[in-house]
Amino acid sequence: MTGELSGRRVAILAADGVEQAELDQPRAALEDAGARVELLSTHGGEIQAMNHDIDKGDRFPVEREVAGAAVADYDALVLPGGTINPDKLRRDAGAVAFVRDFVGSGKPVGAICHGPWTLVEADVVRGRRLTSFTSIRTDIRNAGGEVLDEEVVVDRNLVTSRQPRDLPAFNAKLVESIART
């Protein structure tokens, strides 16, 4: 994988409560492939990661607030899960608009576990096939999306996965999708 994303910039959009593995592992895979990765959030400072929504994980420095970010600055976007993280993001109009514009740009967008909640809020799942954690599948269907129970689903520029144990497949497809653009 080394070098295939050289020169590419990828944004990871996350808030407090992000599932640590879903932030760490995609970031590592993208950086190993040569991408420059930047953590965006709804506020400056740091965000608190969690392990399984219960135990505090590490704190991560926010490199840029989403309010000051532009889709044109990035080649791809990653939306990690955790229950709390996407719930916070979908309540932030700037984050939702950024996600909506990013999906609309046709650039690759990866979302794992509860991450597709932000896609639902951005009203970009209608007519699309995706997967997610089981508890948000009704939300996706109600928003007009088709849910598949597979470790990774690619539909045009969306790459989605169900849960942390799907991270190896998710990371591979995400890197592949970005490399093709």
N, C-alpha and C. Protein backbone atom coordinates (compact mmCIF):
# COMPACT_ATOMS: atom_id res chain seq x y z
N MET A 1 0.81 -1.20 0.00
CA MET A 1 0.00 0.00 0.00
C MET A 1 0.85 1.27 0.00
N THR A 2 2.07 1.18 0.41
CA THR A 2 2.91 2.36 0.61
C THR A 2 2.98 3.23 -0.63
N GLY A 3 2.65 4.52 -0.44
CA GLY A 3 2.82 5.51 -1.49
C GLY A 3 1.68 5.70 -2.45
N GLU A 4 0.70 4.80 -2.48
CA GLU A 4 -0.35 4.95 -3.48
C GLU A 4 -1.24 6.17 -3.26
N LEU A 5 -1.20 6.76 -2.06
CA LEU A 5 -1.99 7.97 -1.80
C LEU A 5 -1.09 9.20 -1.60
N SER A 6 0.13 9.11 -2.07
CA SER A 6 1.06 10.22 -1.94
C SER A 6 0.47 11.48 -2.56
N GLY A 7 0.54 12.57 -1.82
CA GLY A 7 0.00 13.84 -2.29
C GLY A 7 -1.47 14.03 -2.03
N ARG A 8 -2.15 13.03 -1.49
CA ARG A 8 -3.59 13.14 -1.21
C ARG A 8 -3.81 13.67 0.21
N ARG A 9 -4.86 14.47 0.37
CA ARG A 9 -5.24 15.00 1.69
C ARG A 9 -6.59 14.41 2.06
N VAL A 10 -6.66 13.88 3.27
CA VAL A 10 -7.89 13.25 3.75
C VAL A 10 -8.30 13.89 5.06
N ALA A 11 -9.57 14.23 5.17
CA ALA A 11 -10.12 14.76 6.41
C ALA A 11 -10.82 13.64 7.17
N ILE A 12 -10.60 13.59 8.47
CA ILE A 12 -11.40 12.75 9.35
C ILE A 12 -12.21 13.71 10.19
N LEU A 13 -13.53 13.60 10.10
CA LEU A 13 -14.42 14.48 10.85
C LEU A 13 -14.95 13.71 12.06
N ALA A 14 -14.62 14.20 13.25
CA ALA A 14 -15.02 13.50 14.48
C ALA A 14 -15.23 14.51 15.60
N ALA A 15 -15.97 14.07 16.61
CA ALA A 15 -16.26 14.87 17.80
C ALA A 15 -15.99 14.02 19.04
N ASP A 16 -16.16 14.63 20.19
CA ASP A 16 -16.03 13.86 21.43
C ASP A 16 -16.89 12.62 21.36
N GLY A 17 -16.36 11.51 21.87
CA GLY A 17 -17.10 10.26 21.86
C GLY A 17 -16.78 9.36 20.69
N VAL A 18 -15.87 9.77 19.82
CA VAL A 18 -15.50 8.95 18.67
C VAL A 18 -14.93 7.62 19.16
N GLU A 19 -15.26 6.55 18.46
CA GLU A 19 -14.69 5.23 18.78
C GLU A 19 -13.22 5.25 18.38
N GLN A 20 -12.33 5.06 19.35
CA GLN A 20 -10.89 5.25 19.10
C GLN A 20 -10.36 4.39 17.96
N ALA A 21 -10.72 3.12 17.92
CA ALA A 21 -10.21 2.23 16.86
C ALA A 21 -10.64 2.72 15.48
N GLU A 22 -11.83 3.32 15.39
CA GLU A 22 -12.36 3.78 14.11
C GLU A 22 -11.75 5.11 13.67
N LEU A 23 -11.03 5.75 14.57
CA LEU A 23 -10.24 6.93 14.23
C LEU A 23 -8.80 6.52 13.95
N ASP A 24 -8.22 5.77 14.88
CA ASP A 24 -6.81 5.37 14.79
C ASP A 24 -6.49 4.50 13.57
N GLN A 25 -7.25 3.44 13.38
CA GLN A 25 -6.89 2.47 12.34
C GLN A 25 -7.05 3.01 10.92
N PRO A 26 -8.15 3.70 10.59
CA PRO A 26 -8.20 4.29 9.24
C PRO A 26 -7.10 5.34 9.03
N ARG A 27 -6.85 6.15 10.06
CA ARG A 27 -5.80 7.16 9.94
C ARG A 27 -4.45 6.50 9.65
N ALA A 28 -4.12 5.44 10.38
CA ALA A 28 -2.86 4.73 10.17
C ALA A 28 -2.79 4.14 8.76
N ALA A 29 -3.88 3.53 8.30
CA ALA A 29 -3.90 2.93 6.96
C ALA A 29 -3.70 4.00 5.89
N LEU A 30 -4.35 5.13 6.05
CA LEU A 30 -4.23 6.22 5.08
C LEU A 30 -2.82 6.81 5.08
N GLU A 31 -2.28 7.02 6.27
CA GLU A 31 -0.92 7.57 6.36
C GLU A 31 0.11 6.56 5.83
N ASP A 32 -0.10 5.27 6.11
CA ASP A 32 0.81 4.25 5.58
C ASP A 32 0.79 4.22 4.06
N ALA A 33 -0.35 4.59 3.47
CA ALA A 33 -0.46 4.64 2.02
C ALA A 33 0.03 5.97 1.44
N GLY A 34 0.50 6.87 2.33
CA GLY A 34 1.09 8.11 1.86
C GLY A 34 0.22 9.34 1.95
N ALA A 35 -1.00 9.22 2.45
CA ALA A 35 -1.91 10.37 2.54
C ALA A 35 -1.53 11.27 3.70
N ARG A 36 -1.85 12.53 3.56
CA ARG A 36 -1.76 13.48 4.67
C ARG A 36 -3.16 13.55 5.27
N VAL A 37 -3.28 13.24 6.54
CA VAL A 37 -4.59 13.15 7.21
C VAL A 37 -4.72 14.27 8.23
N GLU A 38 -5.90 14.91 8.24
CA GLU A 38 -6.16 16.02 9.14
C GLU A 38 -7.45 15.75 9.91
N LEU A 39 -7.39 15.92 11.23
CA LEU A 39 -8.57 15.73 12.08
C LEU A 39 -9.35 17.03 12.19
N LEU A 40 -10.59 16.98 11.73
CA LEU A 40 -11.51 18.12 11.83
C LEU A 40 -12.52 17.83 12.92
N SER A 41 -13.02 18.89 13.56
CA SER A 41 -14.09 18.74 14.54
C SER A 41 -14.92 20.00 14.57
N THR A 42 -15.93 19.99 15.40
CA THR A 42 -16.84 21.13 15.53
C THR A 42 -16.25 22.22 16.41
N HIS A 43 -15.16 21.92 17.10
CA HIS A 43 -14.50 22.89 17.98
C HIS A 43 -13.00 22.63 17.95
N GLY A 44 -12.26 23.63 18.38
CA GLY A 44 -10.81 23.49 18.46
C GLY A 44 -10.40 22.74 19.72
N GLY A 45 -9.10 22.64 19.93
CA GLY A 45 -8.60 21.97 21.13
C GLY A 45 -8.40 20.49 20.89
N GLU A 46 -9.04 19.68 21.71
CA GLU A 46 -8.92 18.23 21.63
C GLU A 46 -10.30 17.58 21.66
N ILE A 47 -10.37 16.35 21.16
CA ILE A 47 -11.57 15.55 21.32
C ILE A 47 -11.23 14.31 22.14
N GLN A 48 -12.21 13.83 22.87
CA GLN A 48 -12.05 12.65 23.72
C GLN A 48 -12.56 11.42 22.97
N ALA A 49 -11.67 10.46 22.74
CA ALA A 49 -12.08 9.20 22.12
C ALA A 49 -12.58 8.26 23.21
N MET A 50 -13.36 7.27 22.78
CA MET A 50 -13.91 6.27 23.69
C MET A 50 -13.61 4.88 23.13
N ASN A 51 -13.63 3.92 24.02
CA ASN A 51 -13.51 2.52 23.65
C ASN A 51 -14.83 1.84 23.99
N HIS A 52 -15.54 1.39 22.96
CA HIS A 52 -16.84 0.73 23.12
C HIS A 52 -17.87 1.64 23.79
N ASP A 53 -17.80 2.94 23.57
CA ASP A 53 -18.74 3.93 24.09
C ASP A 53 -18.72 4.06 25.61
N ILE A 54 -17.90 3.30 26.30
CA ILE A 54 -17.97 3.26 27.77
C ILE A 54 -16.69 3.77 28.42
N ASP A 55 -15.55 3.27 27.95
CA ASP A 55 -14.28 3.59 28.58
C ASP A 55 -13.57 4.70 27.82
N LYS A 56 -13.07 5.68 28.57
CA LYS A 56 -12.33 6.77 27.93
C LYS A 56 -11.08 6.22 27.27
N GLY A 57 -10.84 6.72 26.07
CA GLY A 57 -9.61 6.39 25.35
C GLY A 57 -8.69 7.59 25.40
N ASP A 58 -7.96 7.79 24.33
CA ASP A 58 -7.02 8.90 24.24
C ASP A 58 -7.73 10.19 23.85
N ARG A 59 -7.03 11.28 24.03
CA ARG A 59 -7.49 12.59 23.55
C ARG A 59 -6.69 12.89 22.29
N PHE A 60 -7.33 13.48 21.29
CA PHE A 60 -6.68 13.78 20.02
C PHE A 60 -6.78 15.27 19.72
N PRO A 61 -5.67 15.88 19.29
CA PRO A 61 -5.71 17.31 18.95
C PRO A 61 -6.49 17.53 17.65
N VAL A 62 -7.37 18.52 17.68
CA VAL A 62 -8.11 18.91 16.49
C VAL A 62 -7.19 19.80 15.66
N GLU A 63 -7.04 19.46 14.40
CA GLU A 63 -6.13 20.22 13.54
C GLU A 63 -6.84 21.36 12.81
N ARG A 64 -8.17 21.25 12.71
CA ARG A 64 -8.92 22.30 12.03
C ARG A 64 -10.39 22.18 12.39
N GLU A 65 -11.04 23.31 12.58
CA GLU A 65 -12.48 23.29 12.83
C GLU A 65 -13.20 23.14 11.49
N VAL A 66 -14.24 22.33 11.48
CA VAL A 66 -14.97 22.07 10.25
C VAL A 66 -15.56 23.36 9.67
N ALA A 67 -15.89 24.32 10.53
CA ALA A 67 -16.44 25.60 10.05
C ALA A 67 -15.46 26.33 9.14
N GLY A 68 -14.16 26.09 9.29
CA GLY A 68 -13.17 26.75 8.46
C GLY A 68 -12.61 25.88 7.35
N ALA A 69 -13.20 24.70 7.18
CA ALA A 69 -12.71 23.76 6.16
C ALA A 69 -13.53 23.88 4.88
N ALA A 70 -12.91 23.54 3.78
CA ALA A 70 -13.58 23.53 2.48
C ALA A 70 -13.39 22.17 1.82
N VAL A 71 -14.41 21.69 1.16
CA VAL A 71 -14.35 20.41 0.46
C VAL A 71 -13.17 20.39 -0.51
N ALA A 72 -12.91 21.51 -1.15
CA ALA A 72 -11.82 21.60 -2.13
C ALA A 72 -10.45 21.34 -1.52
N ASP A 73 -10.33 21.44 -0.20
CA ASP A 73 -9.05 21.23 0.48
C ASP A 73 -8.68 19.75 0.63
N TYR A 74 -9.62 18.84 0.35
CA TYR A 74 -9.42 17.42 0.64
C TYR A 74 -9.80 16.54 -0.54
N ASP A 75 -9.17 15.38 -0.58
CA ASP A 75 -9.45 14.39 -1.61
C ASP A 75 -10.42 13.32 -1.14
N ALA A 76 -10.62 13.21 0.19
CA ALA A 76 -11.53 12.21 0.74
C ALA A 76 -11.90 12.62 2.16
N LEU A 77 -12.96 11.98 2.66
CA LEU A 77 -13.48 12.25 4.01
C LEU A 77 -13.77 10.93 4.70
N VAL A 78 -13.44 10.85 6.00
CA VAL A 78 -13.74 9.66 6.80
C VAL A 78 -14.62 10.09 7.97
N LEU A 79 -15.69 9.31 8.20
CA LEU A 79 -16.61 9.53 9.31
C LEU A 79 -16.58 8.32 10.23
N PRO A 80 -15.75 8.35 11.28
CA PRO A 80 -15.74 7.23 12.21
C PRO A 80 -17.01 7.23 13.06
N GLY A 81 -17.22 6.12 13.76
CA GLY A 81 -18.42 6.01 14.58
C GLY A 81 -18.17 6.22 16.05
N GLY A 82 -18.78 5.32 16.83
CA GLY A 82 -19.01 5.55 18.23
C GLY A 82 -20.40 6.16 18.29
N THR A 83 -21.15 5.88 19.28
CA THR A 83 -22.53 6.38 19.35
C THR A 83 -22.59 7.89 19.56
N ILE A 84 -21.76 8.40 20.43
CA ILE A 84 -21.82 9.82 20.82
C ILE A 84 -21.33 10.73 19.70
N ASN A 85 -20.23 10.36 19.05
CA ASN A 85 -19.61 11.18 18.02
C ASN A 85 -20.57 11.61 16.91
N PRO A 86 -21.19 10.68 16.17
CA PRO A 86 -22.07 11.13 15.09
C PRO A 86 -23.32 11.84 15.59
N ASP A 87 -23.75 11.53 16.82
CA ASP A 87 -24.89 12.25 17.37
C ASP A 87 -24.54 13.72 17.57
N LYS A 88 -23.31 13.99 18.00
CA LYS A 88 -22.86 15.38 18.14
C LYS A 88 -22.71 16.04 16.76
N LEU A 89 -22.12 15.32 15.81
CA LEU A 89 -21.92 15.89 14.48
C LEU A 89 -23.23 16.24 13.80
N ARG A 90 -24.23 15.38 13.92
CA ARG A 90 -25.49 15.64 13.21
C ARG A 90 -26.29 16.78 13.80
N ARG A 91 -25.87 17.27 14.97
CA ARG A 91 -26.50 18.43 15.58
C ARG A 91 -25.77 19.73 15.25
N ASP A 92 -24.71 19.64 14.47
CA ASP A 92 -23.92 20.80 14.09
C ASP A 92 -24.16 21.10 12.60
N ALA A 93 -24.81 22.21 12.34
CA ALA A 93 -25.20 22.55 10.96
C ALA A 93 -23.99 22.63 10.04
N GLY A 94 -22.87 23.15 10.52
CA GLY A 94 -21.67 23.25 9.69
C GLY A 94 -21.11 21.89 9.32
N ALA A 95 -21.10 20.97 10.28
CA ALA A 95 -20.61 19.61 10.01
C ALA A 95 -21.52 18.91 9.00
N VAL A 96 -22.83 19.05 9.18
CA VAL A 96 -23.79 18.41 8.27
C VAL A 96 -23.64 18.98 6.86
N ALA A 97 -23.50 20.28 6.74
CA ALA A 97 -23.34 20.91 5.42
C ALA A 97 -22.04 20.44 4.76
N PHE A 98 -20.96 20.34 5.54
CA PHE A 98 -19.68 19.87 5.01
C PHE A 98 -19.82 18.45 4.47
N VAL A 99 -20.48 17.57 5.22
CA VAL A 99 -20.69 16.19 4.78
C VAL A 99 -21.56 16.16 3.52
N ARG A 100 -22.63 16.93 3.51
CA ARG A 100 -23.52 16.97 2.33
C ARG A 100 -22.75 17.42 1.09
N ASP A 101 -21.97 18.47 1.24
CA ASP A 101 -21.20 18.99 0.11
C ASP A 101 -20.13 18.00 -0.33
N PHE A 102 -19.52 17.32 0.64
CA PHE A 102 -18.48 16.36 0.31
C PHE A 102 -19.05 15.20 -0.49
N VAL A 103 -20.16 14.65 -0.04
CA VAL A 103 -20.78 13.54 -0.79
C VAL A 103 -21.17 14.03 -2.18
N GLY A 104 -21.73 15.22 -2.24
CA GLY A 104 -22.14 15.79 -3.52
C GLY A 104 -20.99 16.04 -4.48
N SER A 105 -19.79 16.21 -3.95
CA SER A 105 -18.62 16.46 -4.79
C SER A 105 -18.19 15.22 -5.58
N GLY A 106 -18.63 14.05 -5.13
CA GLY A 106 -18.23 12.81 -5.78
C GLY A 106 -16.92 12.24 -5.26
N LYS A 107 -16.27 12.94 -4.36
CA LYS A 107 -15.03 12.44 -3.76
C LYS A 107 -15.36 11.33 -2.77
N PRO A 108 -14.42 10.40 -2.53
CA PRO A 108 -14.69 9.29 -1.62
C PRO A 108 -15.01 9.73 -0.19
N VAL A 109 -16.02 9.07 0.38
CA VAL A 109 -16.43 9.29 1.76
C VAL A 109 -16.56 7.92 2.42
N GLY A 110 -15.80 7.70 3.48
CA GLY A 110 -15.89 6.46 4.24
C GLY A 110 -16.61 6.70 5.54
N ALA A 111 -17.52 5.80 5.90
CA ALA A 111 -18.26 5.90 7.17
C ALA A 111 -18.39 4.51 7.76
N ILE A 112 -18.09 4.39 9.05
CA ILE A 112 -18.13 3.09 9.69
C ILE A 112 -18.97 3.14 10.96
N CYS A 113 -19.63 2.04 11.24
CA CYS A 113 -20.39 1.82 12.47
C CYS A 113 -21.57 2.80 12.56
N HIS A 114 -21.53 3.75 13.50
CA HIS A 114 -22.58 4.75 13.62
C HIS A 114 -22.31 5.99 12.76
N GLY A 115 -21.16 6.02 12.07
CA GLY A 115 -20.80 7.15 11.21
C GLY A 115 -21.86 7.52 10.18
N PRO A 116 -22.58 6.54 9.59
CA PRO A 116 -23.61 6.90 8.62
C PRO A 116 -24.77 7.74 9.17
N TRP A 117 -24.89 7.88 10.49
CA TRP A 117 -25.91 8.78 11.04
C TRP A 117 -25.74 10.18 10.49
N THR A 118 -24.49 10.62 10.33
CA THR A 118 -24.25 11.95 9.79
C THR A 118 -24.65 12.00 8.32
N LEU A 119 -24.47 10.90 7.59
CA LEU A 119 -24.93 10.83 6.20
C LEU A 119 -26.45 10.94 6.12
N VAL A 120 -27.14 10.30 7.06
CA VAL A 120 -28.60 10.38 7.12
C VAL A 120 -29.02 11.83 7.35
N GLU A 121 -28.39 12.47 8.33
CA GLU A 121 -28.74 13.86 8.65
C GLU A 121 -28.47 14.78 7.47
N ALA A 122 -27.44 14.48 6.70
CA ALA A 122 -27.10 15.29 5.52
C ALA A 122 -28.00 14.98 4.33
N ASP A 123 -28.90 14.01 4.48
CA ASP A 123 -29.85 13.62 3.44
C ASP A 123 -29.15 13.19 2.15
N VAL A 124 -28.15 12.29 2.30
CA VAL A 124 -27.40 11.83 1.13
C VAL A 124 -27.45 10.31 0.95
N VAL A 125 -28.33 9.61 1.68
CA VAL A 125 -28.38 8.16 1.54
C VAL A 125 -29.52 7.67 0.64
N ARG A 126 -30.41 8.55 0.28
CA ARG A 126 -31.55 8.17 -0.56
C ARG A 126 -31.07 7.53 -1.87
N GLY A 127 -31.55 6.30 -2.13
CA GLY A 127 -31.19 5.60 -3.35
C GLY A 127 -29.80 4.99 -3.33
N ARG A 128 -29.15 5.01 -2.18
CA ARG A 128 -27.79 4.47 -2.06
C ARG A 128 -27.81 3.16 -1.28
N ARG A 129 -26.83 2.31 -1.54
CA ARG A 129 -26.65 1.06 -0.80
C ARG A 129 -25.50 1.25 0.18
N LEU A 130 -25.71 0.89 1.44
CA LEU A 130 -24.67 1.02 2.44
C LEU A 130 -24.90 0.05 3.58
N THR A 131 -23.96 0.02 4.49
CA THR A 131 -24.09 -0.79 5.68
C THR A 131 -23.73 0.08 6.87
N SER A 132 -24.02 -0.45 8.07
CA SER A 132 -23.77 0.30 9.30
C SER A 132 -23.91 -0.63 10.48
N PHE A 133 -23.74 -0.08 11.66
CA PHE A 133 -24.05 -0.83 12.88
C PHE A 133 -25.55 -1.10 12.88
N THR A 134 -25.94 -2.22 13.45
CA THR A 134 -27.34 -2.67 13.38
C THR A 134 -28.33 -1.65 13.91
N SER A 135 -28.00 -0.93 14.98
CA SER A 135 -28.98 -0.06 15.63
C SER A 135 -29.38 1.16 14.83
N ILE A 136 -28.66 1.51 13.76
CA ILE A 136 -29.06 2.69 12.97
C ILE A 136 -29.59 2.31 11.58
N ARG A 137 -29.76 1.04 11.34
CA ARG A 137 -30.23 0.61 10.02
C ARG A 137 -31.64 1.09 9.69
N THR A 138 -32.50 1.15 10.68
CA THR A 138 -33.85 1.67 10.45
C THR A 138 -33.78 3.14 10.03
N ASP A 139 -32.90 3.92 10.64
CA ASP A 139 -32.73 5.32 10.26
C ASP A 139 -32.30 5.44 8.80
N ILE A 140 -31.40 4.57 8.38
CA ILE A 140 -30.93 4.59 6.99
C ILE A 140 -32.08 4.24 6.05
N ARG A 141 -32.82 3.20 6.38
CA ARG A 141 -33.97 2.82 5.53
C ARG A 141 -35.00 3.95 5.47
N ASN A 142 -35.30 4.55 6.62
CA ASN A 142 -36.27 5.65 6.66
C ASN A 142 -35.80 6.86 5.85
N ALA A 143 -34.49 6.98 5.67
CA ALA A 143 -33.93 8.08 4.88
C ALA A 143 -33.80 7.70 3.40
N GLY A 144 -34.29 6.50 3.03
CA GLY A 144 -34.31 6.10 1.64
C GLY A 144 -33.12 5.28 1.18
N GLY A 145 -32.28 4.85 2.10
CA GLY A 145 -31.14 4.02 1.75
C GLY A 145 -31.47 2.55 1.81
N GLU A 146 -30.70 1.74 1.10
CA GLU A 146 -30.83 0.29 1.16
C GLU A 146 -29.68 -0.24 2.01
N VAL A 147 -30.01 -1.02 3.04
CA VAL A 147 -28.99 -1.53 3.96
C VAL A 147 -28.63 -2.96 3.60
N LEU A 148 -27.33 -3.21 3.49
CA LEU A 148 -26.80 -4.55 3.28
C LEU A 148 -26.01 -4.95 4.53
N ASP A 149 -26.06 -6.21 4.88
CA ASP A 149 -25.30 -6.70 6.03
C ASP A 149 -24.02 -7.36 5.54
N GLU A 150 -23.05 -6.53 5.17
CA GLU A 150 -21.76 -6.99 4.65
C GLU A 150 -20.67 -6.19 5.34
N GLU A 151 -19.45 -6.75 5.39
CA GLU A 151 -18.38 -6.06 6.12
C GLU A 151 -17.99 -4.74 5.49
N VAL A 152 -18.12 -4.60 4.20
CA VAL A 152 -17.86 -3.33 3.53
C VAL A 152 -18.74 -3.25 2.29
N VAL A 153 -19.34 -2.08 2.08
CA VAL A 153 -20.19 -1.84 0.91
C VAL A 153 -19.69 -0.57 0.23
N VAL A 154 -19.51 -0.66 -1.09
CA VAL A 154 -19.11 0.50 -1.87
C VAL A 154 -20.24 0.83 -2.83
N ASP A 155 -20.72 2.05 -2.77
CA ASP A 155 -21.75 2.55 -3.69
C ASP A 155 -21.28 3.92 -4.19
N ARG A 156 -20.84 3.95 -5.43
CA ARG A 156 -20.23 5.15 -6.01
C ARG A 156 -19.14 5.66 -5.08
N ASN A 157 -19.31 6.85 -4.50
CA ASN A 157 -18.24 7.41 -3.68
C ASN A 157 -18.37 7.10 -2.19
N LEU A 158 -19.36 6.31 -1.79
CA LEU A 158 -19.52 5.94 -0.38
C LEU A 158 -18.91 4.57 -0.10
N VAL A 159 -18.11 4.50 0.96
CA VAL A 159 -17.53 3.25 1.45
C VAL A 159 -18.00 3.11 2.88
N THR A 160 -18.77 2.06 3.19
CA THR A 160 -19.31 1.92 4.55
C THR A 160 -19.02 0.53 5.11
N SER A 161 -18.91 0.48 6.44
CA SER A 161 -18.71 -0.78 7.15
C SER A 161 -19.52 -0.79 8.43
N ARG A 162 -19.66 -1.98 9.02
CA ARG A 162 -20.59 -2.18 10.13
C ARG A 162 -20.02 -1.88 11.51
N GLN A 163 -18.76 -2.25 11.76
CA GLN A 163 -18.26 -2.25 13.14
C GLN A 163 -16.74 -2.36 13.15
N PRO A 164 -16.13 -2.20 14.33
CA PRO A 164 -14.67 -2.24 14.38
C PRO A 164 -14.02 -3.50 13.81
N ARG A 165 -14.63 -4.65 13.96
CA ARG A 165 -13.96 -5.85 13.42
C ARG A 165 -13.91 -5.85 11.89
N ASP A 166 -14.66 -4.96 11.24
CA ASP A 166 -14.62 -4.82 9.79
C ASP A 166 -13.55 -3.83 9.32
N LEU A 167 -12.80 -3.26 10.25
CA LEU A 167 -11.82 -2.23 9.90
C LEU A 167 -10.80 -2.66 8.85
N PRO A 168 -10.25 -3.87 8.88
CA PRO A 168 -9.30 -4.22 7.82
C PRO A 168 -9.90 -4.12 6.41
N ALA A 169 -11.11 -4.63 6.23
CA ALA A 169 -11.77 -4.55 4.93
C ALA A 169 -12.13 -3.11 4.58
N PHE A 170 -12.62 -2.37 5.56
CA PHE A 170 -12.98 -0.96 5.37
C PHE A 170 -11.76 -0.16 4.94
N ASN A 171 -10.66 -0.31 5.67
CA ASN A 171 -9.45 0.45 5.36
C ASN A 171 -8.93 0.13 3.95
N ALA A 172 -8.94 -1.15 3.59
CA ALA A 172 -8.46 -1.54 2.26
C ALA A 172 -9.31 -0.92 1.16
N LYS A 173 -10.64 -0.98 1.30
CA LYS A 173 -11.53 -0.41 0.28
C LYS A 173 -11.45 1.11 0.24
N LEU A 174 -11.27 1.72 1.41
CA LEU A 174 -11.15 3.17 1.47
C LEU A 174 -9.90 3.63 0.72
N VAL A 175 -8.77 3.00 1.01
CA VAL A 175 -7.53 3.35 0.31
C VAL A 175 -7.69 3.11 -1.19
N GLU A 176 -8.27 1.97 -1.56
CA GLU A 176 -8.48 1.66 -2.98
C GLU A 176 -9.37 2.72 -3.65
N SER A 177 -10.43 3.13 -2.99
CA SER A 177 -11.35 4.12 -3.56
C SER A 177 -10.67 5.46 -3.76
N ILE A 178 -9.86 5.87 -2.80
CA ILE A 178 -9.15 7.15 -2.91
C ILE A 178 -8.10 7.08 -4.01
N ALA A 179 -7.40 5.95 -4.09
CA ALA A 179 -6.35 5.78 -5.11
C ALA A 179 -6.92 5.86 -6.53
N ARG A 180 -8.17 5.44 -6.71
CA ARG A 180 -8.79 5.45 -8.05
C ARG A 180 -9.23 6.83 -8.50
N THR A 181 -9.26 7.79 -7.58
CA THR A 181 -9.75 9.13 -7.96
C THR A 181 -8.63 10.03 -8.42
